[in-house]
Amino acid sequence: MHNSAYIAYLGLGSNLGDRAAHLLRAIAALANSGLPLLAASSLYQTEPVDYLAQPEFLNQVIAVQVPHRDPFALLKTCLGVELQLGRQRTVLRGPRTIDIDLLLFEDLVRNGEQDGVSLLLPHPRLHLRRFVLTPLAEIAPRIVHPVLGKTAKQLLAQTPDSATVQIYEGA
């Protein structure tokens, strides 16, 4: 039987304003865009990486159902939701109301550009980011990275990233 629905894993992050509310709004907006939620990790409070002079993040990984096997269309939907929720790209890897990263989409491996959208799948820094691997391993510990051939749980155990990632207890 042909599968008409696919699963993608998205990384959500926010470090401006009401961070938890931004994550909830992103999930609702994604669902309204035709990407219903299948699973959601806990919220994790994480220290910034790369650009350090900014507030701490709340991060979460979600699994969504995707009606097509087109990673570019999926990424465009994610970017559209970011814009809809007020995302402004002023500082590279800087503070943001919402960030939606396409981490994994089935077992697809892509590196390309289409209609002005650049895509690297799986996400190129996925295995180097504790703030992504911790929530991913929570909801999909056995999902296999299509390039590295290791599970999310194995990647988390082996990541060189020592940043603090802890369950967010709320305000």
C-alpha atoms as a PDB file:
ATOM      1  CA  MET A   1       0.000   0.000   0.000  1.00  0.00           C
ATOM      2  CA  HIS A   2       1.326   3.456  -0.904  1.00  0.00           C
ATOM      3  CA  ASN A   3       2.041   5.711   2.054  1.00  0.00           C
ATOM      4  CA  SER A   4       0.413   9.082   1.449  1.00  0.00           C
ATOM      5  CA  ALA A   5       1.783  10.721   4.566  1.00  0.00           C
ATOM      6  CA  TYR A   6       5.367  11.210   5.667  1.00  0.00           C
ATOM      7  CA  ILE A   7       7.028  12.176   8.941  1.00  0.00           C
ATOM      8  CA  ALA A   8       9.402  15.076   9.422  1.00  0.00           C
ATOM      9  CA  TYR A   9      11.225  16.177  12.561  1.00  0.00           C
ATOM     10  CA  LEU A  10      11.452  19.901  13.199  1.00  0.00           C
ATOM     11  CA  GLY A  11      13.559  21.741  15.738  1.00  0.00           C
ATOM     12  CA  LEU A  12      11.832  24.730  17.350  1.00  0.00           C
ATOM     13  CA  GLY A  13      13.637  27.447  19.270  1.00  0.00           C
ATOM     14  CA  SER A  14      12.841  30.828  20.808  1.00  0.00           C
ATOM     15  CA  ASN A  15      14.749  33.235  23.008  1.00  0.00           C
ATOM     16  CA  LEU A  16      12.749  36.463  22.807  1.00  0.00           C
ATOM     17  CA  GLY A  17       9.510  37.399  24.534  1.00  0.00           C
ATOM     18  CA  ASP A  18       7.221  34.645  25.804  1.00  0.00           C
ATOM     19  CA  ARG A  19       9.333  31.768  24.536  1.00  0.00           C
ATOM     20  CA  ALA A  20       6.939  28.950  25.463  1.00  0.00           C
ATOM     21  CA  ALA A  21       4.027  30.777  23.830  1.00  0.00           C
ATOM     22  CA  HIS A  22       6.063  31.266  20.639  1.00  0.00           C
ATOM     23  CA  LEU A  23       6.705  27.510  20.461  1.00  0.00           C
ATOM     24  CA  LEU A  24       2.996  26.746  20.959  1.00  0.00           C
ATOM     25  CA  ARG A  25       2.039  29.296  18.307  1.00  0.00           C
ATOM     26  CA  ALA A  26       4.529  27.724  15.886  1.00  0.00           C
ATOM     27  CA  ILE A  27       3.015  24.251  16.415  1.00  0.00           C
ATOM     28  CA  ALA A  28      -0.491  25.656  15.861  1.00  0.00           C
ATOM     29  CA  ALA A  29       0.595  27.563  12.735  1.00  0.00           C
ATOM     30  CA  LEU A  30       2.327  24.475  11.312  1.00  0.00           C
ATOM     31  CA  ALA A  31      -0.840  22.419  11.922  1.00  0.00           C
ATOM     32  CA  ASN A  32      -2.911  25.142  10.226  1.00  0.00           C
ATOM     33  CA  SER A  33      -0.495  24.913   7.268  1.00  0.00           C
ATOM     34  CA  GLY A  34      -1.301  21.231   6.799  1.00  0.00           C
ATOM     35  CA  LEU A  35       1.384  19.735   9.069  1.00  0.00           C
ATOM     36  CA  PRO A  36      -0.444  18.095  11.990  1.00  0.00           C
ATOM     37  CA  LEU A  37       1.539  17.363  15.135  1.00  0.00           C
ATOM     38  CA  LEU A  38       2.410  13.699  15.763  1.00  0.00           C
ATOM     39  CA  ALA A  39       4.744  14.076  18.753  1.00  0.00           C
ATOM     40  CA  ALA A  40       6.316  16.846  20.814  1.00  0.00           C
ATOM     41  CA  SER A  41       9.251  16.708  23.182  1.00  0.00           C
ATOM     42  CA  SER A  42       9.438  18.446  26.514  1.00  0.00           C
ATOM     43  CA  LEU A  43      10.593  22.055  26.484  1.00  0.00           C
ATOM     44  CA  TYR A  44      14.306  22.456  27.183  1.00  0.00           C
ATOM     45  CA  GLN A  45      16.077  25.541  28.458  1.00  0.00           C
ATOM     46  CA  THR A  46      19.400  25.818  26.650  1.00  0.00           C
ATOM     47  CA  GLU A  47      22.339  28.168  26.583  1.00  0.00           C
ATOM     48  CA  PRO A  48      23.064  29.941  23.303  1.00  0.00           C
ATOM     49  CA  VAL A  49      25.574  28.399  20.897  1.00  0.00           C
ATOM     50  CA  ASP A  50      27.750  30.244  18.329  1.00  0.00           C
ATOM     51  CA  TYR A  51      26.435  33.744  19.068  1.00  0.00           C
ATOM     52  CA  LEU A  52      26.650  33.907  22.863  1.00  0.00           C
ATOM     53  CA  ALA A  53      25.572  37.473  23.684  1.00  0.00           C
ATOM     54  CA  GLN A  54      21.867  36.654  23.765  1.00  0.00           C
ATOM     55  CA  PRO A  55      19.221  35.256  26.129  1.00  0.00           C
ATOM     56  CA  GLU A  56      18.836  31.530  26.801  1.00  0.00           C
ATOM     57  CA  PHE A  57      16.630  29.541  24.458  1.00  0.00           C
ATOM     58  CA  LEU A  58      13.677  27.283  24.874  1.00  0.00           C
ATOM     59  CA  ASN A  59      14.034  24.404  22.434  1.00  0.00           C
ATOM     60  CA  GLN A  60      11.748  21.592  21.430  1.00  0.00           C
ATOM     61  CA  VAL A  61      11.640  18.925  18.731  1.00  0.00           C
ATOM     62  CA  ILE A  62       8.361  17.950  17.134  1.00  0.00           C
ATOM     63  CA  ALA A  63       7.297  15.300  14.644  1.00  0.00           C
ATOM     64  CA  VAL A  64       4.775  16.428  12.048  1.00  0.00           C
ATOM     65  CA  GLN A  65       2.829  14.595   9.393  1.00  0.00           C
ATOM     66  CA  VAL A  66       3.655  15.817   5.884  1.00  0.00           C
ATOM     67  CA  PRO A  67       1.240  15.116   3.006  1.00  0.00           C
ATOM     68  CA  HIS A  68       3.963  15.059   0.326  1.00  0.00           C
ATOM     69  CA  ARG A  69       7.577  13.969  -0.076  1.00  0.00           C
ATOM     70  CA  ASP A  70       8.851  17.401  -1.134  1.00  0.00           C
ATOM     71  CA  PRO A  71      11.428  18.744   1.345  1.00  0.00           C
ATOM     72  CA  PHE A  72      11.605  22.137  -0.399  1.00  0.00           C
ATOM     73  CA  ALA A  73       7.853  22.689  -0.022  1.00  0.00           C
ATOM     74  CA  LEU A  74       8.140  21.621   3.623  1.00  0.00           C
ATOM     75  CA  LEU A  75      10.999  24.051   4.279  1.00  0.00           C
ATOM     76  CA  LYS A  76       9.061  26.859   2.571  1.00  0.00           C
ATOM     77  CA  THR A  77       6.113  26.181   4.873  1.00  0.00           C
ATOM     78  CA  CYS A  78       8.428  26.368   7.909  1.00  0.00           C
ATOM     79  CA  LEU A  79       9.983  29.643   6.704  1.00  0.00           C
ATOM     80  CA  GLY A  80       6.495  31.042   6.067  1.00  0.00           C
ATOM     81  CA  VAL A  81       5.432  30.199   9.620  1.00  0.00           C
ATOM     82  CA  GLU A  82       8.583  31.887  10.972  1.00  0.00           C
ATOM     83  CA  LEU A  83       7.683  35.066   9.055  1.00  0.00           C
ATOM     84  CA  GLN A  84       4.043  34.867  10.133  1.00  0.00           C
ATOM     85  CA  LEU A  85       5.218  34.713  13.765  1.00  0.00           C
ATOM     86  CA  GLY A  86       7.483  37.748  13.431  1.00  0.00           C
ATOM     87  CA  ARG A  87      10.886  36.176  12.784  1.00  0.00           C
ATOM     88  CA  GLN A  88      13.454  38.760  11.742  1.00  0.00           C
ATOM     89  CA  ARG A  89      16.863  37.657  10.500  1.00  0.00           C
ATOM     90  CA  THR A  90      19.086  40.535  11.564  1.00  0.00           C
ATOM     91  CA  VAL A  91      22.004  38.812  13.319  1.00  0.00           C
ATOM     92  CA  LEU A  92      23.241  35.441  12.057  1.00  0.00           C
ATOM     93  CA  ARG A  93      22.313  32.837  14.687  1.00  0.00           C
ATOM     94  CA  GLY A  94      21.209  35.740  16.890  1.00  0.00           C
ATOM     95  CA  PRO A  95      18.115  36.285  19.060  1.00  0.00           C
ATOM     96  CA  ARG A  96      14.791  35.243  17.557  1.00  0.00           C
ATOM     97  CA  THR A  97      11.119  34.957  18.437  1.00  0.00           C
ATOM     98  CA  ILE A  98      10.940  31.644  16.595  1.00  0.00           C
ATOM     99  CA  ASP A  99      13.267  29.361  14.717  1.00  0.00           C
ATOM    100  CA  ILE A 100      12.020  26.297  12.861  1.00  0.00           C
ATOM    101  CA  ASP A 101      14.698  23.954  11.551  1.00  0.00           C
ATOM    102  CA  LEU A 102      14.023  21.006   9.288  1.00  0.00           C
ATOM    103  CA  LEU A 103      16.082  18.280  10.976  1.00  0.00           C
ATOM    104  CA  LEU A 104      15.041  15.030   9.326  1.00  0.00           C
ATOM    105  CA  PHE A 105      12.460  14.166   6.677  1.00  0.00           C
ATOM    106  CA  GLU A 106      12.037  10.416   6.368  1.00  0.00           C
ATOM    107  CA  ASP A 107      15.407   9.120   5.099  1.00  0.00           C
ATOM    108  CA  LEU A 108      15.887  11.902   2.554  1.00  0.00           C
ATOM    109  CA  VAL A 109      19.345  13.332   1.921  1.00  0.00           C
ATOM    110  CA  ARG A 110      19.355  16.597  -0.029  1.00  0.00           C
ATOM    111  CA  ASN A 111      21.775  19.420  -0.700  1.00  0.00           C
ATOM    112  CA  GLY A 112      20.429  21.984  -3.085  1.00  0.00           C
ATOM    113  CA  GLU A 113      18.476  25.082  -3.881  1.00  0.00           C
ATOM    114  CA  GLN A 114      15.041  25.520  -5.375  1.00  0.00           C
ATOM    115  CA  ASP A 115      13.099  28.749  -5.898  1.00  0.00           C
ATOM    116  CA  GLY A 116      15.605  30.675  -3.750  1.00  0.00           C
ATOM    117  CA  VAL A 117      15.360  28.233  -0.833  1.00  0.00           C
ATOM    118  CA  SER A 118      18.542  26.429   0.229  1.00  0.00           C
ATOM    119  CA  LEU A 119      18.182  23.031   1.816  1.00  0.00           C
ATOM    120  CA  LEU A 120      20.609  20.675   3.535  1.00  0.00           C
ATOM    121  CA  LEU A 121      19.021  17.456   4.738  1.00  0.00           C
ATOM    122  CA  PRO A 122      19.578  16.041   7.250  1.00  0.00           C
ATOM    123  CA  HIS A 123      20.303  19.276   9.110  1.00  0.00           C
ATOM    124  CA  PRO A 124      24.099  19.758   8.853  1.00  0.00           C
ATOM    125  CA  ARG A 125      24.641  20.498  12.568  1.00  0.00           C
ATOM    126  CA  LEU A 126      22.079  18.046  13.932  1.00  0.00           C
ATOM    127  CA  HIS A 127      24.693  15.662  15.386  1.00  0.00           C
ATOM    128  CA  LEU A 128      26.672  18.549  16.937  1.00  0.00           C
ATOM    129  CA  ARG A 129      23.836  20.138  18.911  1.00  0.00           C
ATOM    130  CA  ARG A 130      22.850  18.797  22.325  1.00  0.00           C
ATOM    131  CA  PHE A 131      19.844  21.172  22.309  1.00  0.00           C
ATOM    132  CA  VAL A 132      18.521  19.298  19.244  1.00  0.00           C
ATOM    133  CA  LEU A 133      19.643  15.760  20.083  1.00  0.00           C
ATOM    134  CA  THR A 134      18.216  15.761  23.632  1.00  0.00           C
ATOM    135  CA  PRO A 135      14.606  16.471  22.598  1.00  0.00           C
ATOM    136  CA  LEU A 136      14.948  14.368  19.409  1.00  0.00           C
ATOM    137  CA  ALA A 137      16.155  11.370  21.431  1.00  0.00           C
ATOM    138  CA  GLU A 138      13.227  11.928  23.821  1.00  0.00           C
ATOM    139  CA  ILE A 139      10.560  11.475  21.114  1.00  0.00           C
ATOM    140  CA  ALA A 140      12.435   9.318  18.564  1.00  0.00           C
ATOM    141  CA  PRO A 141      15.407   7.602  20.234  1.00  0.00           C
ATOM    142  CA  ARG A 142      15.681   4.972  17.508  1.00  0.00           C
ATOM    143  CA  ILE A 143      15.377   7.214  14.459  1.00  0.00           C
ATOM    144  CA  VAL A 144      18.474   6.711  12.307  1.00  0.00           C
ATOM    145  CA  HIS A 145      20.483   9.567  10.810  1.00  0.00           C
ATOM    146  CA  PRO A 146      20.434   8.729   7.079  1.00  0.00           C
ATOM    147  CA  VAL A 147      24.079   9.748   6.545  1.00  0.00           C
ATOM    148  CA  LEU A 148      25.790   8.824   9.811  1.00  0.00           C
ATOM    149  CA  GLY A 149      23.795   5.600  10.280  1.00  0.00           C
ATOM    150  CA  LYS A 150      23.409   6.131  14.029  1.00  0.00           C
ATOM    151  CA  THR A 151      20.286   6.554  16.126  1.00  0.00           C
ATOM    152  CA  ALA A 152      19.365   9.817  17.825  1.00  0.00           C
ATOM    153  CA  LYS A 153      20.181   8.165  21.150  1.00  0.00           C
ATOM    154  CA  GLN A 154      23.666   7.126  19.915  1.00  0.00           C
ATOM    155  CA  LEU A 155      24.341  10.571  18.461  1.00  0.00           C
ATOM    156  CA  LEU A 156      23.361  12.203  21.762  1.00  0.00           C
ATOM    157  CA  ALA A 157      25.719   9.900  23.674  1.00  0.00           C
ATOM    158  CA  GLN A 158      28.559  10.769  21.274  1.00  0.00           C
ATOM    159  CA  THR A 159      28.053  14.495  20.662  1.00  0.00           C
ATOM    160  CA  PRO A 160      31.034  16.707  21.491  1.00  0.00           C
ATOM    161  CA  ASP A 161      28.618  19.482  22.546  1.00  0.00           C
ATOM    162  CA  SER A 162      28.710  19.989  26.320  1.00  0.00           C
ATOM    163  CA  ALA A 163      26.215  22.865  26.470  1.00  0.00           C
ATOM    164  CA  THR A 164      23.665  22.822  29.288  1.00  0.00           C
ATOM    165  CA  VAL A 165      20.280  21.471  28.192  1.00  0.00           C
ATOM    166  CA  GLN A 166      17.712  21.024  30.933  1.00  0.00           C
ATOM    167  CA  ILE A 167      13.975  20.465  31.151  1.00  0.00           C
ATOM    168  CA  TYR A 168      12.195  23.809  31.382  1.00  0.00           C
ATOM    169  CA  GLU A 169      10.065  24.049  34.511  1.00  0.00           C
ATOM    170  CA  GLY A 170       8.053  27.062  33.366  1.00  0.00           C
ATOM    171  CA  ALA A 171       7.985  30.630  34.618  1.00  0.00           C
END
